[in-house]
Amino acid sequence: MTIFSNILPHTCRCSLYRQTYGSFFRFFSFFLATLLLILLSGCAPKEQQKKTLVVSIEPLRYFAEQIAGDRYNVVSIVPEGYSPETYEPSPHQLLTLSSAQAYLKVGQLGFETTWLPKMISNVPQLPVIDTSQGLPDVAFDPHTWTSPRSALLICRNICTALCQSDTAYATHFRANLHRLENKIRTTEHSVDSLLSQTHVRTFVTVHPMFSRLAADYGLKQLSIEHNGKEPTPSRLAQLCREAQQEGVRCVLVIPEFGEEHAAVIARESEAKLFTIHPLSYQWDQEIIHTARAIAYE
């Protein structure tokens, strides 16, 4: 007993010392790394320090980079592969806002209505640009970038904001916008060619992201998710019946929202599952890919 009573306190003291020293070492290392980054950023030539724009999602980053060119570094809050309806930003991303020139939001995404007000409350001087301003509301669908016609207005809003905040480069931004508009019109022409000829005008999607695309091209969207909720068994059965009656051939699966219910509808209606990525940076490629899936090509 005497031996153990002598050893135990010493062991506890050693363990406590290691924990305390380890915590101090981690904190000190973090402090040094942060200090080094600050010093390095302060020593960098000013002409090499790009201004920062923060955007909500990757498609917006695509638009903003095309217009801003090499004048700005564009950072997306919601990474590809995550849902903008439920995403929670990291502390590092919150820190990025403190040095940003502006924040470009889609408008009313779930993330933007819940987290964005909290994020910008710490940086009240940060301009927040609604890139969907001027677009008509369609079925309460905030996913404005999923139609080429809406994308044109989004890009013009971005350009206007940049020209107003960085007037010396306004000509540069407008020239970049003109090139981007040509790309979008080319994409729109491809989408129109695909969707104008398809005989089945109804498609199913796991998440209601394509109300504007459907309205622009005379299509009917059946969404599995409704008002942000998964379908009840009766709702799922109703969707299966409607898909059969409409002769649906395409069920769109979005990885960020799952495919369990989509597989059921596809099986019951003898339709095909198509995986799409509307939150991808490659906006033009994905819009055409989505149109090709709806057209069943």
C-alpha atoms as a PDB file:
ATOM      1  CA  MET A   1       0.000   0.000   0.000  1.00  0.00           C
ATOM      2  CA  THR A   2       2.844   2.375   0.860  1.00  0.00           C
ATOM      3  CA  ILE A   3       4.548   1.777  -2.463  1.00  0.00           C
ATOM      4  CA  PHE A   4       1.344   2.394  -4.483  1.00  0.00           C
ATOM      5  CA  SER A   5       0.413   5.452  -2.460  1.00  0.00           C
ATOM      6  CA  ASN A   6       3.804   6.948  -3.247  1.00  0.00           C
ATOM      7  CA  ILE A   7       3.713   6.124  -6.950  1.00  0.00           C
ATOM      8  CA  LEU A   8       0.104   7.164  -7.692  1.00  0.00           C
ATOM      9  CA  PRO A   9       0.447  10.834  -6.837  1.00  0.00           C
ATOM     10  CA  HIS A  10       3.663  11.030  -8.837  1.00  0.00           C
ATOM     11  CA  THR A  11       1.911   9.381 -11.835  1.00  0.00           C
ATOM     12  CA  CYS A  12      -0.995  11.784 -11.600  1.00  0.00           C
ATOM     13  CA  ARG A  13       1.367  14.721 -11.377  1.00  0.00           C
ATOM     14  CA  CYS A  14       3.198  13.535 -14.515  1.00  0.00           C
ATOM     15  CA  SER A  15      -0.049  13.060 -16.415  1.00  0.00           C
ATOM     16  CA  LEU A  16      -1.317  16.484 -15.373  1.00  0.00           C
ATOM     17  CA  TYR A  17       2.019  18.028 -16.361  1.00  0.00           C
ATOM     18  CA  ARG A  18       1.897  16.393 -19.808  1.00  0.00           C
ATOM     19  CA  GLN A  19      -1.710  17.555 -20.396  1.00  0.00           C
ATOM     20  CA  THR A  20      -0.956  21.094 -19.275  1.00  0.00           C
ATOM     21  CA  TYR A  21       2.269  21.292 -21.255  1.00  0.00           C
ATOM     22  CA  GLY A  22       0.553  19.783 -24.327  1.00  0.00           C
ATOM     23  CA  SER A  23      -2.292  22.304 -24.213  1.00  0.00           C
ATOM     24  CA  PHE A  24       0.142  25.166 -23.759  1.00  0.00           C
ATOM     25  CA  PHE A  25       2.316  23.909 -26.629  1.00  0.00           C
ATOM     26  CA  ARG A  26      -0.685  23.642 -28.996  1.00  0.00           C
ATOM     27  CA  PHE A  27      -1.864  27.119 -28.074  1.00  0.00           C
ATOM     28  CA  PHE A  28       1.639  28.551 -28.441  1.00  0.00           C
ATOM     29  CA  SER A  29       2.087  26.860 -31.836  1.00  0.00           C
ATOM     30  CA  PHE A  30      -1.242  28.243 -33.044  1.00  0.00           C
ATOM     31  CA  PHE A  31      -0.280  31.699 -31.794  1.00  0.00           C
ATOM     32  CA  LEU A  32       3.060  31.600 -33.615  1.00  0.00           C
ATOM     33  CA  ALA A  33       1.452  30.345 -36.845  1.00  0.00           C
ATOM     34  CA  THR A  34      -1.171  33.108 -36.732  1.00  0.00           C
ATOM     35  CA  LEU A  35       1.475  35.749 -35.996  1.00  0.00           C
ATOM     36  CA  LEU A  36       3.611  34.477 -38.866  1.00  0.00           C
ATOM     37  CA  LEU A  37       0.679  34.668 -41.299  1.00  0.00           C
ATOM     38  CA  ILE A  38      -0.065  38.229 -40.228  1.00  0.00           C
ATOM     39  CA  LEU A  39       3.568  39.266 -40.626  1.00  0.00           C
ATOM     40  CA  LEU A  40       3.859  37.619 -44.024  1.00  0.00           C
ATOM     41  CA  SER A  41       0.648  39.184 -45.290  1.00  0.00           C
ATOM     42  CA  GLY A  42       1.823  42.553 -44.056  1.00  0.00           C
ATOM     43  CA  CYS A  43       5.173  42.217 -45.818  1.00  0.00           C
ATOM     44  CA  ALA A  44       3.706  41.183 -49.170  1.00  0.00           C
ATOM     45  CA  PRO A  45       3.744  43.867 -51.865  1.00  0.00           C
ATOM     46  CA  LYS A  46       0.337  45.547 -52.068  1.00  0.00           C
ATOM     47  CA  GLU A  47       0.017  44.932 -55.773  1.00  0.00           C
ATOM     48  CA  GLN A  48       0.147  41.189 -55.035  1.00  0.00           C
ATOM     49  CA  GLN A  49      -2.594  41.327 -52.420  1.00  0.00           C
ATOM     50  CA  LYS A  50      -5.872  40.646 -54.170  1.00  0.00           C
ATOM     51  CA  LYS A  51      -9.101  41.884 -52.724  1.00  0.00           C
ATOM     52  CA  THR A  52     -11.519  39.206 -51.540  1.00  0.00           C
ATOM     53  CA  LEU A  53     -15.115  38.561 -52.514  1.00  0.00           C
ATOM     54  CA  VAL A  54     -17.105  36.026 -50.505  1.00  0.00           C
ATOM     55  CA  VAL A  55     -20.014  34.196 -52.148  1.00  0.00           C
ATOM     56  CA  SER A  56     -22.538  31.671 -50.850  1.00  0.00           C
ATOM     57  CA  ILE A  57     -22.122  28.775 -53.294  1.00  0.00           C
ATOM     58  CA  GLU A  58     -19.860  27.467 -56.041  1.00  0.00           C
ATOM     59  CA  PRO A  59     -22.017  28.498 -59.032  1.00  0.00           C
ATOM     60  CA  LEU A  60     -21.843  32.091 -57.768  1.00  0.00           C
ATOM     61  CA  ARG A  61     -18.075  31.740 -57.491  1.00  0.00           C
ATOM     62  CA  TYR A  62     -18.015  30.717 -61.157  1.00  0.00           C
ATOM     63  CA  PHE A  63     -19.942  33.844 -62.184  1.00  0.00           C
ATOM     64  CA  ALA A  64     -17.967  36.188 -59.903  1.00  0.00           C
ATOM     65  CA  GLU A  65     -14.574  34.904 -61.035  1.00  0.00           C
ATOM     66  CA  GLN A  66     -15.507  35.264 -64.684  1.00  0.00           C
ATOM     67  CA  ILE A  67     -16.465  38.913 -64.131  1.00  0.00           C
ATOM     68  CA  ALA A  68     -13.843  39.952 -61.556  1.00  0.00           C
ATOM     69  CA  GLY A  69     -10.966  38.342 -63.433  1.00  0.00           C
ATOM     70  CA  ASP A  70      -7.628  38.539 -61.623  1.00  0.00           C
ATOM     71  CA  ARG A  71      -8.698  41.604 -59.677  1.00  0.00           C
ATOM     72  CA  TYR A  72     -10.302  39.594 -56.867  1.00  0.00           C
ATOM     73  CA  ASN A  73      -9.872  36.351 -54.975  1.00  0.00           C
ATOM     74  CA  VAL A  74     -13.340  34.767 -54.762  1.00  0.00           C
ATOM     75  CA  VAL A  75     -14.126  32.483 -51.820  1.00  0.00           C
ATOM     76  CA  SER A  76     -17.215  30.270 -51.510  1.00  0.00           C
ATOM     77  CA  ILE A  77     -18.752  29.599 -48.086  1.00  0.00           C
ATOM     78  CA  VAL A  78     -20.637  26.388 -48.939  1.00  0.00           C
ATOM     79  CA  PRO A  79     -18.225  23.889 -50.535  1.00  0.00           C
ATOM     80  CA  GLU A  80     -19.296  21.582 -53.311  1.00  0.00           C
ATOM     81  CA  GLY A  81     -20.867  18.439 -51.877  1.00  0.00           C
ATOM     82  CA  TYR A  82     -22.672  20.229 -49.031  1.00  0.00           C
ATOM     83  CA  SER A  83     -26.270  21.404 -48.914  1.00  0.00           C
ATOM     84  CA  PRO A  84     -26.760  25.192 -48.731  1.00  0.00           C
ATOM     85  CA  GLU A  85     -29.970  24.516 -46.847  1.00  0.00           C
ATOM     86  CA  THR A  86     -28.248  23.097 -43.763  1.00  0.00           C
ATOM     87  CA  TYR A  87     -24.571  24.063 -43.996  1.00  0.00           C
ATOM     88  CA  GLU A  88     -22.873  25.599 -40.934  1.00  0.00           C
ATOM     89  CA  PRO A  89     -19.789  27.758 -41.621  1.00  0.00           C
ATOM     90  CA  SER A  90     -16.441  27.092 -39.960  1.00  0.00           C
ATOM     91  CA  PRO A  91     -14.632  29.626 -37.718  1.00  0.00           C
ATOM     92  CA  HIS A  92     -12.035  30.106 -40.464  1.00  0.00           C
ATOM     93  CA  GLN A  93     -14.767  31.055 -42.935  1.00  0.00           C
ATOM     94  CA  LEU A  94     -16.198  33.554 -40.464  1.00  0.00           C
ATOM     95  CA  LEU A  95     -12.732  35.078 -40.176  1.00  0.00           C
ATOM     96  CA  THR A  96     -12.549  35.465 -43.963  1.00  0.00           C
ATOM     97  CA  LEU A  97     -15.479  37.895 -43.871  1.00  0.00           C
ATOM     98  CA  SER A  98     -13.466  40.403 -41.852  1.00  0.00           C
ATOM     99  CA  SER A  99     -11.168  41.086 -44.813  1.00  0.00           C
ATOM    100  CA  ALA A 100     -13.761  40.773 -47.610  1.00  0.00           C
ATOM    101  CA  GLN A 101     -14.764  43.656 -49.866  1.00  0.00           C
ATOM    102  CA  ALA A 102     -18.322  42.349 -50.288  1.00  0.00           C
ATOM    103  CA  TYR A 103     -20.552  39.332 -49.796  1.00  0.00           C
ATOM    104  CA  LEU A 104     -22.539  38.047 -52.789  1.00  0.00           C
ATOM    105  CA  LYS A 105     -25.584  36.023 -51.824  1.00  0.00           C
ATOM    106  CA  VAL A 106     -28.063  34.132 -53.987  1.00  0.00           C
ATOM    107  CA  GLY A 107     -30.950  35.584 -52.054  1.00  0.00           C
ATOM    108  CA  GLN A 108     -33.039  33.292 -49.865  1.00  0.00           C
ATOM    109  CA  LEU A 109     -31.222  29.961 -49.535  1.00  0.00           C
ATOM    110  CA  GLY A 110     -31.652  28.180 -46.205  1.00  0.00           C
ATOM    111  CA  PHE A 111     -28.079  28.933 -45.204  1.00  0.00           C
ATOM    112  CA  GLU A 112     -28.518  32.589 -46.138  1.00  0.00           C
ATOM    113  CA  THR A 113     -31.642  33.055 -44.043  1.00  0.00           C
ATOM    114  CA  THR A 114     -30.284  31.302 -40.936  1.00  0.00           C
ATOM    115  CA  TRP A 115     -26.504  31.777 -40.759  1.00  0.00           C
ATOM    116  CA  LEU A 116     -25.763  34.805 -42.899  1.00  0.00           C
ATOM    117  CA  PRO A 117     -27.388  37.385 -40.567  1.00  0.00           C
ATOM    118  CA  LYS A 118     -25.306  36.021 -37.672  1.00  0.00           C
ATOM    119  CA  MET A 119     -22.139  36.058 -39.774  1.00  0.00           C
ATOM    120  CA  ILE A 120     -22.413  39.642 -40.960  1.00  0.00           C
ATOM    121  CA  SER A 121     -23.481  40.965 -37.562  1.00  0.00           C
ATOM    122  CA  ASN A 122     -19.773  40.919 -36.645  1.00  0.00           C
ATOM    123  CA  VAL A 123     -18.845  42.893 -39.765  1.00  0.00           C
ATOM    124  CA  PRO A 124     -21.676  45.441 -40.139  1.00  0.00           C
ATOM    125  CA  GLN A 125     -19.658  47.478 -42.646  1.00  0.00           C
ATOM    126  CA  LEU A 126     -19.551  44.553 -45.119  1.00  0.00           C
ATOM    127  CA  PRO A 127     -21.698  45.209 -48.226  1.00  0.00           C
ATOM    128  CA  VAL A 128     -24.114  42.335 -48.914  1.00  0.00           C
ATOM    129  CA  ILE A 129     -25.228  42.050 -52.541  1.00  0.00           C
ATOM    130  CA  ASP A 130     -28.423  40.187 -53.451  1.00  0.00           C
ATOM    131  CA  THR A 131     -27.487  38.804 -56.862  1.00  0.00           C
ATOM    132  CA  SER A 132     -31.079  37.697 -57.555  1.00  0.00           C
ATOM    133  CA  GLN A 133     -32.512  41.192 -57.149  1.00  0.00           C
ATOM    134  CA  GLY A 134     -34.968  41.949 -59.924  1.00  0.00           C
ATOM    135  CA  LEU A 135     -35.884  38.337 -60.632  1.00  0.00           C
ATOM    136  CA  PRO A 136     -39.580  37.465 -60.283  1.00  0.00           C
ATOM    137  CA  ASP A 137     -40.498  34.954 -57.602  1.00  0.00           C
ATOM    138  CA  VAL A 138     -41.274  31.547 -59.083  1.00  0.00           C
ATOM    139  CA  ALA A 139     -42.949  28.993 -56.796  1.00  0.00           C
ATOM    140  CA  PHE A 140     -40.953  30.318 -53.820  1.00  0.00           C
ATOM    141  CA  ASP A 141     -37.867  28.696 -55.375  1.00  0.00           C
ATOM    142  CA  PRO A 142     -34.634  30.445 -54.286  1.00  0.00           C
ATOM    143  CA  HIS A 143     -32.390  28.421 -56.632  1.00  0.00           C
ATOM    144  CA  THR A 144     -32.190  31.194 -59.189  1.00  0.00           C
ATOM    145  CA  TRP A 145     -28.964  30.089 -60.897  1.00  0.00           C
ATOM    146  CA  THR A 146     -30.451  26.877 -62.308  1.00  0.00           C
ATOM    147  CA  SER A 147     -31.912  28.593 -65.371  1.00  0.00           C
ATOM    148  CA  PRO A 148     -29.725  30.309 -68.010  1.00  0.00           C
ATOM    149  CA  ARG A 149     -32.185  33.192 -68.355  1.00  0.00           C
ATOM    150  CA  SER A 150     -32.000  33.951 -64.643  1.00  0.00           C
ATOM    151  CA  ALA A 151     -28.220  33.521 -64.670  1.00  0.00           C
ATOM    152  CA  LEU A 152     -27.915  36.442 -67.078  1.00  0.00           C
ATOM    153  CA  LEU A 153     -29.506  38.832 -64.578  1.00  0.00           C
ATOM    154  CA  ILE A 154     -27.456  37.387 -61.699  1.00  0.00           C
ATOM    155  CA  CYS A 155     -24.242  38.156 -63.592  1.00  0.00           C
ATOM    156  CA  ARG A 156     -25.382  41.682 -64.437  1.00  0.00           C
ATOM    157  CA  ASN A 157     -26.099  42.306 -60.763  1.00  0.00           C
ATOM    158  CA  ILE A 158     -22.607  41.104 -59.856  1.00  0.00           C
ATOM    159  CA  CYS A 159     -21.052  43.344 -62.480  1.00  0.00           C
ATOM    160  CA  THR A 160     -23.041  46.372 -61.319  1.00  0.00           C
ATOM    161  CA  ALA A 161     -21.908  45.824 -57.712  1.00  0.00           C
ATOM    162  CA  LEU A 162     -18.253  45.524 -58.727  1.00  0.00           C
ATOM    163  CA  CYS A 163     -18.402  48.596 -60.968  1.00  0.00           C
ATOM    164  CA  GLN A 164     -19.888  50.664 -58.145  1.00  0.00           C
ATOM    165  CA  SER A 165     -17.358  49.542 -55.531  1.00  0.00           C
ATOM    166  CA  ASP A 166     -14.272  49.503 -57.784  1.00  0.00           C
ATOM    167  CA  THR A 167     -14.940  52.227 -60.331  1.00  0.00           C
ATOM    168  CA  ALA A 168     -11.380  52.331 -61.692  1.00  0.00           C
ATOM    169  CA  TYR A 169     -11.862  48.838 -63.139  1.00  0.00           C
ATOM    170  CA  ALA A 170     -15.462  49.241 -64.345  1.00  0.00           C
ATOM    171  CA  THR A 171     -14.478  48.921 -68.005  1.00  0.00           C
ATOM    172  CA  HIS A 172     -12.597  45.710 -67.213  1.00  0.00           C
ATOM    173  CA  PHE A 173     -15.612  44.226 -65.401  1.00  0.00           C
ATOM    174  CA  ARG A 174     -18.043  45.147 -68.186  1.00  0.00           C
ATOM    175  CA  ALA A 175     -15.811  43.560 -70.820  1.00  0.00           C
ATOM    176  CA  ASN A 176     -15.650  40.363 -68.756  1.00  0.00           C
ATOM    177  CA  LEU A 177     -19.421  40.433 -68.314  1.00  0.00           C
ATOM    178  CA  HIS A 178     -19.890  40.695 -72.072  1.00  0.00           C
ATOM    179  CA  ARG A 179     -17.775  37.567 -72.609  1.00  0.00           C
ATOM    180  CA  LEU A 180     -19.646  35.706 -69.875  1.00  0.00           C
ATOM    181  CA  GLU A 181     -23.033  36.690 -71.328  1.00  0.00           C
ATOM    182  CA  ASN A 182     -21.957  35.159 -74.631  1.00  0.00           C
ATOM    183  CA  LYS A 183     -21.060  31.920 -72.830  1.00  0.00           C
ATOM    184  CA  ILE A 184     -24.418  31.871 -71.050  1.00  0.00           C
ATOM    185  CA  ARG A 185     -26.319  32.484 -74.301  1.00  0.00           C
ATOM    186  CA  THR A 186     -24.422  29.599 -75.905  1.00  0.00           C
ATOM    187  CA  THR A 187     -25.410  27.423 -72.950  1.00  0.00           C
ATOM    188  CA  GLU A 188     -28.999  28.640 -73.219  1.00  0.00           C
ATOM    189  CA  HIS A 189     -29.079  27.714 -76.908  1.00  0.00           C
ATOM    190  CA  SER A 190     -27.887  24.171 -76.072  1.00  0.00           C
ATOM    191  CA  VAL A 191     -30.502  23.826 -73.325  1.00  0.00           C
ATOM    192  CA  ASP A 192     -33.236  25.110 -75.630  1.00  0.00           C
ATOM    193  CA  SER A 193     -32.257  22.612 -78.326  1.00  0.00           C
ATOM    194  CA  LEU A 194     -32.468  19.764 -75.849  1.00  0.00           C
ATOM    195  CA  LEU A 195     -35.697  20.703 -74.062  1.00  0.00           C
ATOM    196  CA  SER A 196     -37.754  22.063 -76.943  1.00  0.00           C
ATOM    197  CA  GLN A 197     -37.885  18.658 -78.639  1.00  0.00           C
ATOM    198  CA  THR A 198     -38.608  16.402 -75.671  1.00  0.00           C
ATOM    199  CA  HIS A 199     -42.138  14.943 -75.707  1.00  0.00           C
ATOM    200  CA  VAL A 200     -42.378  14.122 -71.992  1.00  0.00           C
ATOM    201  CA  ARG A 201     -42.600  17.501 -70.263  1.00  0.00           C
ATOM    202  CA  THR A 202     -42.636  16.237 -66.656  1.00  0.00           C
ATOM    203  CA  PHE A 203     -39.648  15.217 -64.553  1.00  0.00           C
ATOM    204  CA  VAL A 204     -39.057  14.273 -60.913  1.00  0.00           C
ATOM    205  CA  THR A 205     -36.363  15.761 -58.679  1.00  0.00           C
ATOM    206  CA  VAL A 206     -35.332  15.017 -55.099  1.00  0.00           C
ATOM    207  CA  HIS A 207     -35.204  18.749 -54.248  1.00  0.00           C
ATOM    208  CA  PRO A 208     -37.274  21.556 -55.843  1.00  0.00           C
ATOM    209  CA  MET A 209     -34.389  23.389 -57.517  1.00  0.00           C
ATOM    210  CA  PHE A 210     -35.700  23.770 -61.064  1.00  0.00           C
ATOM    211  CA  SER A 211     -38.921  25.778 -60.873  1.00  0.00           C
ATOM    212  CA  ARG A 212     -37.399  28.554 -63.002  1.00  0.00           C
ATOM    213  CA  LEU A 213     -36.004  26.148 -65.575  1.00  0.00           C
ATOM    214  CA  ALA A 214     -39.425  24.454 -65.769  1.00  0.00           C
ATOM    215  CA  ALA A 215     -41.224  27.809 -66.127  1.00  0.00           C
ATOM    216  CA  ASP A 216     -38.798  29.030 -68.801  1.00  0.00           C
ATOM    217  CA  TYR A 217     -39.118  25.906 -70.949  1.00  0.00           C
ATOM    218  CA  GLY A 218     -42.712  24.808 -70.350  1.00  0.00           C
ATOM    219  CA  LEU A 219     -41.853  21.824 -68.130  1.00  0.00           C
ATOM    220  CA  LYS A 220     -43.479  20.373 -65.027  1.00  0.00           C
ATOM    221  CA  GLN A 221     -41.363  19.647 -61.963  1.00  0.00           C
ATOM    222  CA  LEU A 222     -42.461  17.026 -59.421  1.00  0.00           C
ATOM    223  CA  SER A 223     -40.443  17.394 -56.218  1.00  0.00           C
ATOM    224  CA  ILE A 224     -40.000  14.578 -53.725  1.00  0.00           C
ATOM    225  CA  GLU A 225     -39.067  16.983 -50.950  1.00  0.00           C
ATOM    226  CA  HIS A 226     -41.845  19.416 -50.082  1.00  0.00           C
ATOM    227  CA  ASN A 227     -41.499  22.477 -47.831  1.00  0.00           C
ATOM    228  CA  GLY A 228     -38.122  21.195 -46.689  1.00  0.00           C
ATOM    229  CA  LYS A 229     -39.538  17.840 -45.522  1.00  0.00           C
ATOM    230  CA  GLU A 230     -39.134  14.260 -46.663  1.00  0.00           C
ATOM    231  CA  PRO A 231     -42.300  12.710 -48.158  1.00  0.00           C
ATOM    232  CA  THR A 232     -44.733  10.760 -46.042  1.00  0.00           C
ATOM    233  CA  PRO A 233     -45.666   7.251 -47.280  1.00  0.00           C
ATOM    234  CA  SER A 234     -48.932   8.608 -48.701  1.00  0.00           C
ATOM    235  CA  ARG A 235     -47.145  11.489 -50.426  1.00  0.00           C
ATOM    236  CA  LEU A 236     -44.585   9.086 -51.916  1.00  0.00           C
ATOM    237  CA  ALA A 237     -47.366   6.830 -53.217  1.00  0.00           C
ATOM    238  CA  GLN A 238     -49.081   9.855 -54.764  1.00  0.00           C
ATOM    239  CA  LEU A 239     -45.843  10.878 -56.502  1.00  0.00           C
ATOM    240  CA  CYS A 240     -45.449   7.367 -57.896  1.00  0.00           C
ATOM    241  CA  ARG A 241     -48.967   7.462 -59.345  1.00  0.00           C
ATOM    242  CA  GLU A 242     -48.469  10.928 -60.814  1.00  0.00           C
ATOM    243  CA  ALA A 243     -45.134   9.952 -62.350  1.00  0.00           C
ATOM    244  CA  GLN A 244     -46.775   6.908 -63.975  1.00  0.00           C
ATOM    245  CA  GLN A 245     -49.682   8.997 -65.309  1.00  0.00           C
ATOM    246  CA  GLU A 246     -47.336  11.639 -66.739  1.00  0.00           C
ATOM    247  CA  GLY A 247     -45.081   9.026 -68.325  1.00  0.00           C
ATOM    248  CA  VAL A 248     -42.025  10.350 -66.457  1.00  0.00           C
ATOM    249  CA  ARG A 249     -38.745   9.013 -67.795  1.00  0.00           C
ATOM    250  CA  CYS A 250     -36.293  11.075 -65.719  1.00  0.00           C
ATOM    251  CA  VAL A 251     -35.740  11.229 -61.950  1.00  0.00           C
ATOM    252  CA  LEU A 252     -33.031  13.705 -60.960  1.00  0.00           C
ATOM    253  CA  VAL A 253     -30.803  12.736 -58.035  1.00  0.00           C
ATOM    254  CA  ILE A 254     -28.750  15.402 -56.255  1.00  0.00           C
ATOM    255  CA  PRO A 255     -26.079  13.832 -54.006  1.00  0.00           C
ATOM    256  CA  GLU A 256     -26.442  16.501 -51.321  1.00  0.00           C
ATOM    257  CA  PHE A 257     -30.094  15.447 -50.786  1.00  0.00           C
ATOM    258  CA  GLY A 258     -30.008  11.639 -51.019  1.00  0.00           C
ATOM    259  CA  GLU A 259     -31.665   9.219 -53.428  1.00  0.00           C
ATOM    260  CA  GLU A 260     -33.622   6.641 -51.397  1.00  0.00           C
ATOM    261  CA  HIS A 261     -37.068   7.968 -52.321  1.00  0.00           C
ATOM    262  CA  ALA A 262     -35.969   8.771 -55.866  1.00  0.00           C
ATOM    263  CA  ALA A 263     -35.072   5.119 -56.400  1.00  0.00           C
ATOM    264  CA  VAL A 264     -38.567   4.065 -55.315  1.00  0.00           C
ATOM    265  CA  ILE A 265     -40.269   6.419 -57.777  1.00  0.00           C
ATOM    266  CA  ALA A 266     -37.905   5.439 -60.591  1.00  0.00           C
ATOM    267  CA  ARG A 267     -38.652   1.771 -59.999  1.00  0.00           C
ATOM    268  CA  GLU A 268     -42.420   2.223 -59.783  1.00  0.00           C
ATOM    269  CA  SER A 269     -42.648   4.470 -62.859  1.00  0.00           C
ATOM    270  CA  GLU A 270     -39.970   2.629 -64.880  1.00  0.00           C
ATOM    271  CA  ALA A 271     -37.984   5.843 -65.140  1.00  0.00           C
ATOM    272  CA  LYS A 272     -34.224   6.299 -65.071  1.00  0.00           C
ATOM    273  CA  LEU A 273     -32.156   7.865 -62.304  1.00  0.00           C
ATOM    274  CA  PHE A 274     -29.833  10.686 -63.377  1.00  0.00           C
ATOM    275  CA  THR A 275     -27.271  12.087 -60.950  1.00  0.00           C
ATOM    276  CA  ILE A 276     -26.697  15.802 -61.415  1.00  0.00           C
ATOM    277  CA  HIS A 277     -24.602  18.421 -59.593  1.00  0.00           C
ATOM    278  CA  PRO A 278     -26.376  21.806 -59.665  1.00  0.00           C
ATOM    279  CA  LEU A 279     -24.127  23.072 -56.847  1.00  0.00           C
ATOM    280  CA  SER A 280     -20.992  22.457 -58.885  1.00  0.00           C
ATOM    281  CA  TYR A 281     -18.555  25.187 -59.902  1.00  0.00           C
ATOM    282  CA  GLN A 282     -18.878  24.022 -63.515  1.00  0.00           C
ATOM    283  CA  TRP A 283     -22.177  25.831 -63.969  1.00  0.00           C
ATOM    284  CA  ASP A 284     -22.421  25.694 -67.773  1.00  0.00           C
ATOM    285  CA  GLN A 285     -21.537  22.006 -68.001  1.00  0.00           C
ATOM    286  CA  GLU A 286     -24.013  21.043 -65.291  1.00  0.00           C
ATOM    287  CA  ILE A 287     -26.893  23.029 -66.769  1.00  0.00           C
ATOM    288  CA  ILE A 288     -26.448  21.217 -70.083  1.00  0.00           C
ATOM    289  CA  HIS A 289     -26.049  17.883 -68.280  1.00  0.00           C
ATOM    290  CA  THR A 290     -29.330  18.509 -66.416  1.00  0.00           C
ATOM    291  CA  ALA A 291     -31.162  19.454 -69.623  1.00  0.00           C
ATOM    292  CA  ARG A 292     -29.830  16.329 -71.326  1.00  0.00           C
ATOM    293  CA  ALA A 293     -31.121  14.196 -68.432  1.00  0.00           C
ATOM    294  CA  ILE A 294     -34.590  15.791 -68.557  1.00  0.00           C
ATOM    295  CA  ALA A 295     -34.647  15.245 -72.334  1.00  0.00           C
ATOM    296  CA  TYR A 296     -33.643  11.628 -71.648  1.00  0.00           C
ATOM    297  CA  GLU A 297     -30.617  11.712 -73.942  1.00  0.00           C
END
